[in-house]
Amino acid sequence: MRTPKILGVMSGSSADGVDFWLAAADSIQTPIQYAIVPYPQDLKAQLLGTLTGATSYQDMLRIEHAYTHFLAKVIEQWTEVDSDLIVGVHGPTVFHQGGVDSRQLVHGPMLAHLLGCTVISDFRLYDVLSGGQGAPLAPLYHRQRFSQMQKPLAIVNIGGICNVTLLDHKTVRGYDIGPGNGLMDLICQQHFNCAFDDQGHIARKGKVIENLLAKMLKFPFFELPGPKSIHRDAFNQGWLNDFEVNSYQPKDVLRTVLALTVQLILKEVGHYTSVVVIGGGAKNQFLISQIEEKAGLKVTLVSDMDYIEAQLIAWLSLKRWQQEKLDYRQVTGAAAPVLYGRIDVADF
């Protein structure tokens, strides 16, 4: 029997595109191929529209079908698809409430049919059904990926939402801590005609509005202990409007939101001497410099930081294919180890 190939497909909360990581099942961290594919503008607009909570059920199904067909087309053009390929997909999250439900867009049976191979998806649902938060799922993979680094170690993933993994020699913990790039991207799109703040150049020109920052830091979620999780949509325009941000200069609001993310990170990892930052926020030089300045340490960046979440999906897919239950009790609060992911096969 040939060793199968695993393709990890990750559509993160920043909604800028899809990360692909293809590897042999016995060597997940060694890529055969990898790529980041941006969304077509029309699909991106539809996906961002789902974050408003105003999308009808019929439109949600239509968007899910469009996203699934987009994936099938990209995968078929990008790599050889055969019966030995296992495709693991984490689609865009359209609803997440820890302990209640978690839904990501992708039609698993349809994708399996279109590609003619096994598809694994719905990685969060069974954790939630077991009483867990359903997020974050990265910490157990981080333990393997960063096994050679000195412990204790903090890993900060700055995507649309920011979450942390905290590793020592015996335990692994992790949870969402608050907004990452999502709020900053929103401000840039509304006021500066750009998708994101490249290298933090715009925020660098602003100043922190201290009274606004103090009010934001009182948001109840920030005071909750882990395990905890939150959907990107919790930090949206409505959230900003609650703080009457329109009475301030946009560049100062952007700078303040960046300071908020820095403060939340420092609250969790400020006492660590070894900190790795991954995700899109790792490319924001001003954000990284603020973390380093406030924490008094040198942040570690890794060469594959753009692909660690796609690696995670490949790893989770492998564990599901091998029928291996994973123990996220210390991370998500799940009641017991469970299987993560649903398998759909092309058998018709």
Foldseek 3Di string as FASTA:
>chain_A
DDFFKEWFWEQDQLLFFIKIFIDTLVCLPDGPDIDTDGDDPVLSVLLVVLLVVPDDPVSLVVSLVVVLVVVLVCDVVPDDFDARYEYEYFAHWSDFAALPATDHRHDQQVSQQSRQYKYWYQQQGVLSVLRFRSDDPQFVVCCVVCVPDAPQEKEWEAAQWIKIWTDGPPDIAMATQGGGQNLQQQLCVVPVVDRHCQLCPLLVPAAAPVVLLVVVCVPVSNPDDDPDYDRSSVPDPVVVVVSVCVVDDSSNVSNNVLVNVLVSVCVPCLPPQAYEYAYPNVRNNVSLVSNCVVSVYHYDYDPCRHCSVSSSSSNLSSCLVVVHFDDCCNYTVRPGTDRGIDMHHNDD
